[in-house]
C-alpha cells in the first residue's frame, strides 16, 4: 500500500524555479513586443512564433510539471511540437513569397484586348459604348 502512495505522489517545485520561469516569460513577452517594431518582412511572423513556442514550452515543462512527469508525455508533446513546426515552416514558404510578382503572371494575357485601350477621362464620351436614348429609356419602363 505504501509503495503505491510513493508512485503517485506529486513533485514539489521550489519557488525559485517558478520565479525564474515567470521572469523568463515576462522577458520573452517584452522581446516579442520589441521585435514587432522591427521591420523584418515575412520573418516577423517566424520570430514571433519561435518566441511563442519557447514560452509555451516553459509553461508546459514547469507550470504543468511535464518535466517531472512520465517521459512518454514528453515524447508525445515533442512529436506534436515537431509536426506543428513542420506545418508552420511549410506555411511560411507561402507567406514569404506572396508579394513577389512573377514576370509570366504580371503581364496581360492579350495585350490587344479592349480593356487595355486608353479611354478619355469621361467614359461616356467613348463611341464604342452604347448610350441609352430617351426613347429606349421609355421603353424599359
N, C-alpha and C. Protein backbone atom coordinates (compact mmCIF):
# COMPACT_ATOMS: atom_id res chain seq x y z
N UNK A 1 0.82 -1.19 0.00
CA UNK A 1 0.00 0.00 0.00
C UNK A 1 0.87 1.25 0.00
N UNK A 2 1.93 1.23 0.79
CA UNK A 2 2.81 2.38 0.85
C UNK A 2 3.55 2.56 -0.47
N UNK A 3 3.83 1.49 -1.17
CA UNK A 3 4.53 1.56 -2.45
C UNK A 3 3.73 2.36 -3.46
N UNK A 4 2.42 2.11 -3.55
CA UNK A 4 1.57 2.85 -4.48
C UNK A 4 1.49 4.33 -4.11
N UNK A 5 1.51 4.63 -2.84
CA UNK A 5 1.43 6.02 -2.40
C UNK A 5 2.67 6.78 -2.84
N UNK A 6 3.82 6.13 -2.85
CA UNK A 6 5.04 6.79 -3.29
C UNK A 6 5.05 7.01 -4.80
N UNK A 7 4.49 6.09 -5.55
CA UNK A 7 4.47 6.21 -7.00
C UNK A 7 3.59 7.38 -7.43
N UNK A 8 2.49 7.59 -6.78
CA UNK A 8 1.53 8.61 -7.19
C UNK A 8 1.73 9.95 -6.48
N UNK A 9 2.79 10.08 -5.73
CA UNK A 9 2.99 11.35 -5.03
C UNK A 9 3.41 12.44 -6.01
N UNK A 10 3.04 13.66 -5.71
CA UNK A 10 3.34 14.78 -6.59
C UNK A 10 4.75 15.30 -6.37
N UNK A 11 5.19 16.10 -7.31
CA UNK A 11 6.51 16.71 -7.20
C UNK A 11 6.35 18.16 -6.75
N UNK A 12 7.12 18.54 -5.76
CA UNK A 12 7.06 19.91 -5.27
C UNK A 12 8.22 20.68 -5.88
N UNK A 13 7.87 21.70 -6.65
CA UNK A 13 8.88 22.52 -7.31
C UNK A 13 9.21 23.70 -6.41
N UNK A 14 10.50 24.00 -6.26
CA UNK A 14 10.88 25.15 -5.43
C UNK A 14 10.35 26.47 -6.01
N UNK A 15 10.09 27.41 -5.13
CA UNK A 15 9.57 28.71 -5.53
C UNK A 15 10.54 29.44 -6.45
N UNK A 16 11.83 29.24 -6.24
CA UNK A 16 12.84 29.91 -7.05
C UNK A 16 12.68 29.55 -8.54
N UNK A 17 12.36 28.31 -8.84
CA UNK A 17 12.17 27.90 -10.24
C UNK A 17 10.96 28.60 -10.84
N UNK A 18 9.88 28.69 -10.07
CA UNK A 18 8.70 29.40 -10.57
C UNK A 18 9.01 30.87 -10.85
N UNK A 19 9.77 31.49 -9.97
CA UNK A 19 10.12 32.90 -10.16
C UNK A 19 11.02 33.10 -11.38
N UNK A 20 11.98 32.19 -11.57
CA UNK A 20 12.87 32.31 -12.73
C UNK A 20 12.09 32.09 -14.03
N UNK A 21 11.24 31.09 -14.05
CA UNK A 21 10.44 30.83 -15.25
C UNK A 21 9.47 31.98 -15.50
N UNK A 22 8.86 32.51 -14.46
CA UNK A 22 7.97 33.66 -14.62
C UNK A 22 8.70 34.88 -15.15
N UNK A 23 9.91 35.12 -14.64
CA UNK A 23 10.72 36.24 -15.15
C UNK A 23 11.10 36.01 -16.61
N UNK A 24 11.41 34.77 -16.96
CA UNK A 24 11.74 34.46 -18.36
C UNK A 24 10.53 34.70 -19.27
N UNK A 25 9.34 34.37 -18.80
CA UNK A 25 8.13 34.61 -19.60
C UNK A 25 7.88 36.10 -19.79
N UNK A 26 8.09 36.88 -18.74
CA UNK A 26 7.92 38.34 -18.86
C UNK A 26 8.97 38.91 -19.81
N UNK A 27 10.21 38.44 -19.70
CA UNK A 27 11.27 38.91 -20.59
C UNK A 27 10.96 38.56 -22.05
N UNK A 28 10.51 37.33 -22.29
CA UNK A 28 10.19 36.92 -23.67
C UNK A 28 9.00 37.71 -24.22
N UNK A 29 8.06 38.07 -23.36
CA UNK A 29 6.95 38.92 -23.80
C UNK A 29 7.47 40.29 -24.23
N UNK A 30 8.39 40.85 -23.46
CA UNK A 30 8.99 42.14 -23.82
C UNK A 30 9.77 42.03 -25.13
N UNK A 31 10.47 40.92 -25.32
CA UNK A 31 11.20 40.70 -26.58
C UNK A 31 10.23 40.61 -27.75
N UNK A 32 9.11 39.95 -27.56
CA UNK A 32 8.11 39.85 -28.62
C UNK A 32 7.59 41.23 -29.02
N UNK A 33 7.30 42.05 -28.03
CA UNK A 33 6.82 43.41 -28.32
C UNK A 33 7.91 44.22 -29.01
N UNK A 34 9.14 44.11 -28.55
CA UNK A 34 10.24 44.87 -29.16
C UNK A 34 10.49 44.45 -30.60
N UNK A 35 10.44 43.15 -30.86
CA UNK A 35 10.68 42.65 -32.22
C UNK A 35 9.55 43.06 -33.16
N UNK A 36 8.36 43.26 -32.63
CA UNK A 36 7.24 43.64 -33.50
C UNK A 36 7.43 45.02 -34.12
N UNK A 37 8.27 45.86 -33.51
CA UNK A 37 8.53 47.19 -34.05
C UNK A 37 9.65 47.19 -35.09
N UNK A 38 10.36 46.08 -35.22
CA UNK A 38 11.44 45.97 -36.20
C UNK A 38 10.85 45.37 -37.47
N UNK A 39 11.13 46.00 -38.60
CA UNK A 39 10.60 45.51 -39.88
C UNK A 39 11.52 44.41 -40.42
N UNK A 40 11.03 43.19 -40.33
CA UNK A 40 11.78 42.05 -40.83
C UNK A 40 11.08 41.38 -42.01
N UNK A 41 10.05 42.00 -42.51
CA UNK A 41 9.31 41.40 -43.62
C UNK A 41 8.54 40.18 -43.15
N UNK A 42 8.66 39.10 -43.90
CA UNK A 42 7.98 37.86 -43.54
C UNK A 42 8.59 37.17 -42.34
N UNK A 43 9.78 37.59 -41.94
CA UNK A 43 10.44 36.96 -40.80
C UNK A 43 9.85 37.41 -39.47
N UNK A 44 9.06 38.47 -39.44
CA UNK A 44 8.40 38.89 -38.20
C UNK A 44 7.53 37.76 -37.64
N UNK A 45 6.81 37.11 -38.52
CA UNK A 45 5.94 36.02 -38.09
C UNK A 45 6.77 34.86 -37.56
N UNK A 46 7.86 34.56 -38.22
CA UNK A 46 8.72 33.44 -37.81
C UNK A 46 9.30 33.71 -36.42
N UNK A 47 9.82 34.90 -36.21
CA UNK A 47 10.41 35.24 -34.91
C UNK A 47 9.34 35.21 -33.81
N UNK A 48 8.17 35.75 -34.10
CA UNK A 48 7.10 35.75 -33.10
C UNK A 48 6.67 34.32 -32.75
N UNK A 49 6.60 33.45 -33.75
CA UNK A 49 6.21 32.06 -33.48
C UNK A 49 7.28 31.31 -32.70
N UNK A 50 8.54 31.59 -32.97
CA UNK A 50 9.62 30.94 -32.21
C UNK A 50 9.56 31.36 -30.75
N UNK A 51 9.39 32.66 -30.51
CA UNK A 51 9.32 33.14 -29.12
C UNK A 51 8.08 32.58 -28.43
N UNK A 52 6.96 32.54 -29.12
CA UNK A 52 5.73 31.98 -28.52
C UNK A 52 5.89 30.50 -28.22
N UNK A 53 6.60 29.77 -29.08
CA UNK A 53 6.83 28.34 -28.83
C UNK A 53 7.70 28.13 -27.60
N UNK A 54 8.72 28.95 -27.45
CA UNK A 54 9.58 28.84 -26.27
C UNK A 54 8.77 29.12 -25.00
N UNK A 55 7.93 30.13 -25.04
CA UNK A 55 7.09 30.45 -23.89
C UNK A 55 6.13 29.30 -23.58
N UNK A 56 5.55 28.70 -24.60
CA UNK A 56 4.62 27.59 -24.39
C UNK A 56 5.34 26.38 -23.78
N UNK A 57 6.56 26.13 -24.25
CA UNK A 57 7.32 25.01 -23.69
C UNK A 57 7.70 25.27 -22.23
N UNK A 58 8.04 26.50 -21.89
CA UNK A 58 8.35 26.81 -20.49
C UNK A 58 7.13 26.57 -19.59
N UNK A 59 5.98 26.99 -20.07
CA UNK A 59 4.75 26.77 -19.29
C UNK A 59 4.47 25.28 -19.16
N UNK A 60 4.58 24.54 -20.26
CA UNK A 60 4.29 23.10 -20.21
C UNK A 60 5.29 22.36 -19.33
N UNK A 61 6.56 22.68 -19.43
CA UNK A 61 7.57 21.96 -18.66
C UNK A 61 7.49 22.25 -17.16
N UNK A 62 7.35 23.49 -16.78
CA UNK A 62 7.48 23.83 -15.37
C UNK A 62 6.14 24.04 -14.67
N UNK A 63 5.24 24.81 -15.25
CA UNK A 63 3.97 25.07 -14.57
C UNK A 63 3.02 23.88 -14.66
N UNK A 64 3.15 23.08 -15.71
CA UNK A 64 2.32 21.88 -15.84
C UNK A 64 3.08 20.63 -15.38
N UNK A 65 4.29 20.80 -14.88
CA UNK A 65 5.12 19.74 -14.31
C UNK A 65 5.42 18.61 -15.30
N UNK A 66 5.46 18.93 -16.58
CA UNK A 66 5.73 17.91 -17.58
C UNK A 66 7.16 17.40 -17.50
N UNK A 67 8.06 18.21 -17.07
CA UNK A 67 9.46 17.81 -16.99
C UNK A 67 9.68 16.75 -15.90
N UNK A 68 8.81 16.73 -14.90
CA UNK A 68 8.94 15.77 -13.81
C UNK A 68 8.01 14.57 -13.98
N UNK A 69 7.14 14.60 -14.97
CA UNK A 69 6.14 13.56 -15.16
C UNK A 69 6.71 12.41 -16.00
N UNK A 70 5.84 11.49 -16.37
CA UNK A 70 6.21 10.35 -17.19
C UNK A 70 6.84 10.84 -18.50
N UNK A 71 7.94 10.25 -18.90
CA UNK A 71 8.66 10.70 -20.10
C UNK A 71 7.88 10.42 -21.39
N UNK A 72 6.90 9.54 -21.34
CA UNK A 72 6.06 9.30 -22.51
C UNK A 72 5.29 10.56 -22.89
N UNK A 73 4.83 11.30 -21.89
CA UNK A 73 4.12 12.55 -22.16
C UNK A 73 5.04 13.57 -22.83
N UNK A 74 6.30 13.57 -22.42
CA UNK A 74 7.28 14.46 -23.03
C UNK A 74 7.52 14.08 -24.50
N UNK A 75 7.55 12.80 -24.79
CA UNK A 75 7.73 12.34 -26.17
C UNK A 75 6.53 12.72 -27.02
N UNK A 76 5.33 12.55 -26.49
CA UNK A 76 4.11 12.92 -27.23
C UNK A 76 4.09 14.42 -27.50
N UNK A 77 4.43 15.23 -26.51
CA UNK A 77 4.48 16.68 -26.71
C UNK A 77 5.55 17.05 -27.73
N UNK A 78 6.71 16.42 -27.64
CA UNK A 78 7.79 16.72 -28.59
C UNK A 78 7.38 16.37 -30.02
N UNK A 79 6.70 15.25 -30.21
CA UNK A 79 6.24 14.88 -31.55
C UNK A 79 5.21 15.88 -32.06
N UNK A 80 4.30 16.29 -31.20
CA UNK A 80 3.28 17.27 -31.62
C UNK A 80 3.92 18.60 -31.99
N UNK A 81 4.88 19.05 -31.20
CA UNK A 81 5.57 20.31 -31.50
C UNK A 81 6.37 20.18 -32.79
N UNK A 82 7.00 19.03 -33.02
CA UNK A 82 7.77 18.83 -34.25
C UNK A 82 6.87 18.89 -35.48
N UNK A 83 5.73 18.22 -35.43
CA UNK A 83 4.80 18.27 -36.57
C UNK A 83 4.23 19.67 -36.76
N UNK A 84 3.95 20.36 -35.67
CA UNK A 84 3.47 21.74 -35.78
C UNK A 84 4.53 22.63 -36.42
N UNK A 85 5.78 22.43 -36.04
CA UNK A 85 6.87 23.22 -36.62
C UNK A 85 7.00 22.95 -38.12
N UNK A 86 6.85 21.70 -38.51
CA UNK A 86 6.91 21.37 -39.95
C UNK A 86 5.79 22.07 -40.71
N UNK A 87 4.59 22.03 -40.17
CA UNK A 87 3.47 22.68 -40.84
C UNK A 87 3.63 24.20 -40.89
N UNK A 88 4.16 24.78 -39.83
CA UNK A 88 4.39 26.22 -39.83
C UNK A 88 5.46 26.59 -40.84
N UNK A 89 6.51 25.80 -40.93
CA UNK A 89 7.58 26.08 -41.91
C UNK A 89 7.02 25.99 -43.33
N UNK A 90 6.21 25.00 -43.60
CA UNK A 90 5.60 24.89 -44.93
C UNK A 90 4.70 26.08 -45.23
N UNK A 91 3.98 26.56 -44.21
CA UNK A 91 3.13 27.74 -44.40
C UNK A 91 3.97 28.99 -44.62
N UNK A 92 5.12 29.07 -43.98
CA UNK A 92 5.98 30.25 -44.14
C UNK A 92 6.51 30.37 -45.57
N UNK A 93 6.70 29.24 -46.25
CA UNK A 93 7.13 29.32 -47.65
C UNK A 93 6.12 30.12 -48.46
N UNK A 94 4.84 29.91 -48.20
CA UNK A 94 3.80 30.65 -48.92
C UNK A 94 3.74 32.10 -48.46
N UNK A 95 3.82 32.32 -47.16
CA UNK A 95 3.71 33.68 -46.62
C UNK A 95 4.84 34.58 -47.12
N UNK A 96 6.03 34.04 -47.21
CA UNK A 96 7.17 34.87 -47.60
C UNK A 96 7.24 35.10 -49.10
N UNK A 97 6.50 34.35 -49.89
CA UNK A 97 6.53 34.50 -51.34
C UNK A 97 5.30 35.22 -51.89
N UNK A 98 4.37 35.62 -51.05
CA UNK A 98 3.12 36.20 -51.53
C UNK A 98 3.28 37.50 -52.29
N UNK A 99 4.22 38.32 -51.88
CA UNK A 99 4.32 39.63 -52.50
C UNK A 99 5.19 39.65 -53.75
N UNK A 100 5.72 38.55 -54.14
CA UNK A 100 6.54 38.50 -55.35
C UNK A 100 5.65 38.42 -56.58
N UNK A 101 6.07 39.11 -57.62
CA UNK A 101 5.34 39.06 -58.88
C UNK A 101 6.22 38.36 -59.89
N UNK A 102 5.71 37.31 -60.45
CA UNK A 102 6.45 36.58 -61.46
C UNK A 102 6.19 37.21 -62.81
N UNK A 103 7.20 37.36 -63.66
CA UNK A 103 7.02 38.03 -64.95
C UNK A 103 5.94 37.39 -65.82
N UNK A 104 5.80 36.09 -65.77
CA UNK A 104 4.81 35.44 -66.61
C UNK A 104 3.39 35.73 -66.13
N UNK A 105 3.22 36.00 -64.84
CA UNK A 105 1.89 36.28 -64.30
C UNK A 105 1.58 37.77 -64.25
N UNK A 106 2.59 38.63 -64.37
CA UNK A 106 2.38 40.06 -64.19
C UNK A 106 1.75 40.73 -65.40
N UNK A 107 2.04 40.25 -66.59
CA UNK A 107 1.55 40.91 -67.80
C UNK A 107 0.18 40.42 -68.21
N UNK A 108 -0.48 41.19 -69.09
CA UNK A 108 -1.79 40.77 -69.59
C UNK A 108 -1.66 39.59 -70.53
N UNK A 109 -2.70 38.79 -70.60
CA UNK A 109 -2.68 37.63 -71.49
C UNK A 109 -2.73 38.07 -72.94
N UNK A 110 -3.64 38.98 -73.25
CA UNK A 110 -3.79 39.50 -74.61
C UNK A 110 -3.60 41.01 -74.53
N UNK A 111 -2.47 41.48 -75.01
CA UNK A 111 -2.16 42.91 -74.90
C UNK A 111 -3.07 43.77 -75.76
N UNK A 112 -3.75 43.21 -76.74
CA UNK A 112 -4.62 43.97 -77.62
C UNK A 112 -6.09 43.91 -77.19
N UNK A 113 -6.35 43.44 -75.99
CA UNK A 113 -7.73 43.33 -75.52
C UNK A 113 -8.34 44.71 -75.33
N UNK A 114 -9.65 44.78 -75.43
CA UNK A 114 -10.37 46.05 -75.34
C UNK A 114 -10.15 46.73 -73.99
N UNK A 115 -10.03 45.96 -72.93
CA UNK A 115 -9.92 46.58 -71.61
C UNK A 115 -8.61 47.34 -71.42
N UNK A 116 -7.63 47.08 -72.27
CA UNK A 116 -6.35 47.78 -72.15
C UNK A 116 -6.27 49.02 -73.03
N UNK A 117 -7.31 49.33 -73.80
CA UNK A 117 -7.30 50.53 -74.62
C UNK A 117 -7.38 51.76 -73.73
N UNK A 118 -6.76 52.81 -74.16
CA UNK A 118 -6.78 54.07 -73.40
C UNK A 118 -8.10 54.78 -73.65
N UNK A 119 -8.75 55.15 -72.58
CA UNK A 119 -10.01 55.88 -72.67
C UNK A 119 -9.79 57.32 -72.22
N UNK A 120 -10.68 58.17 -72.62
CA UNK A 120 -10.63 59.55 -72.12
C UNK A 120 -11.13 59.56 -70.69
N UNK A 121 -10.97 60.68 -70.03
CA UNK A 121 -11.38 60.75 -68.63
C UNK A 121 -12.89 60.60 -68.49
N UNK A 122 -13.64 61.00 -69.52
CA UNK A 122 -15.09 60.84 -69.49
C UNK A 122 -15.43 59.53 -70.19
N UNK A 123 -15.84 58.54 -69.44
CA UNK A 123 -16.09 57.23 -70.04
C UNK A 123 -17.32 57.26 -70.94
N UNK A 124 -18.22 58.22 -70.76
CA UNK A 124 -19.41 58.29 -71.60
C UNK A 124 -19.08 58.84 -72.99
N UNK A 125 -17.92 59.47 -73.13
CA UNK A 125 -17.55 60.04 -74.42
C UNK A 125 -16.98 58.98 -75.37
N UNK A 126 -16.84 57.77 -74.92
CA UNK A 126 -16.28 56.72 -75.76
C UNK A 126 -17.35 56.27 -76.77
N UNK A 127 -17.06 56.31 -78.06
CA UNK A 127 -18.06 55.94 -79.06
C UNK A 127 -18.35 54.44 -79.08
N UNK A 128 -17.51 53.61 -78.50
CA UNK A 128 -17.75 52.17 -78.51
C UNK A 128 -18.85 51.76 -77.53
N UNK A 129 -19.09 52.60 -76.54
CA UNK A 129 -20.13 52.29 -75.56
C UNK A 129 -21.46 52.78 -76.09
N UNK A 130 -22.46 51.96 -75.99
CA UNK A 130 -23.79 52.40 -76.42
C UNK A 130 -24.46 53.14 -75.28
N UNK A 131 -25.01 54.28 -75.58
CA UNK A 131 -25.70 55.08 -74.59
C UNK A 131 -27.19 54.99 -74.83
N UNK A 132 -27.96 54.83 -73.77
CA UNK A 132 -29.41 54.75 -73.97
C UNK A 132 -29.97 56.11 -74.42
N UNK A 133 -30.86 56.04 -75.32
CA UNK A 133 -31.54 57.26 -75.77
C UNK A 133 -32.80 57.45 -74.95
N UNK A 134 -33.43 58.57 -75.12
CA UNK A 134 -34.65 58.85 -74.37
C UNK A 134 -35.75 57.87 -74.75
N UNK A 135 -35.83 57.50 -76.02
CA UNK A 135 -36.88 56.58 -76.45
C UNK A 135 -36.65 55.18 -75.91
N UNK A 136 -35.37 54.75 -75.86
CA UNK A 136 -35.11 53.40 -75.34
C UNK A 136 -35.29 53.36 -73.83
N UNK A 137 -35.04 54.47 -73.16
CA UNK A 137 -35.25 54.52 -71.71
C UNK A 137 -36.73 54.45 -71.39
N UNK A 138 -37.58 55.04 -72.26
CA UNK A 138 -39.02 54.99 -72.03
C UNK A 138 -39.56 53.58 -72.25
N UNK A 139 -38.96 52.85 -73.19
CA UNK A 139 -39.44 51.50 -73.48
C UNK A 139 -39.19 50.56 -72.32
N UNK A 140 -38.13 50.78 -71.55
CA UNK A 140 -37.81 49.89 -70.44
C UNK A 140 -38.84 50.01 -69.34
N UNK A 141 -39.33 51.21 -69.12
CA UNK A 141 -40.29 51.41 -68.03
C UNK A 141 -41.59 50.92 -68.50
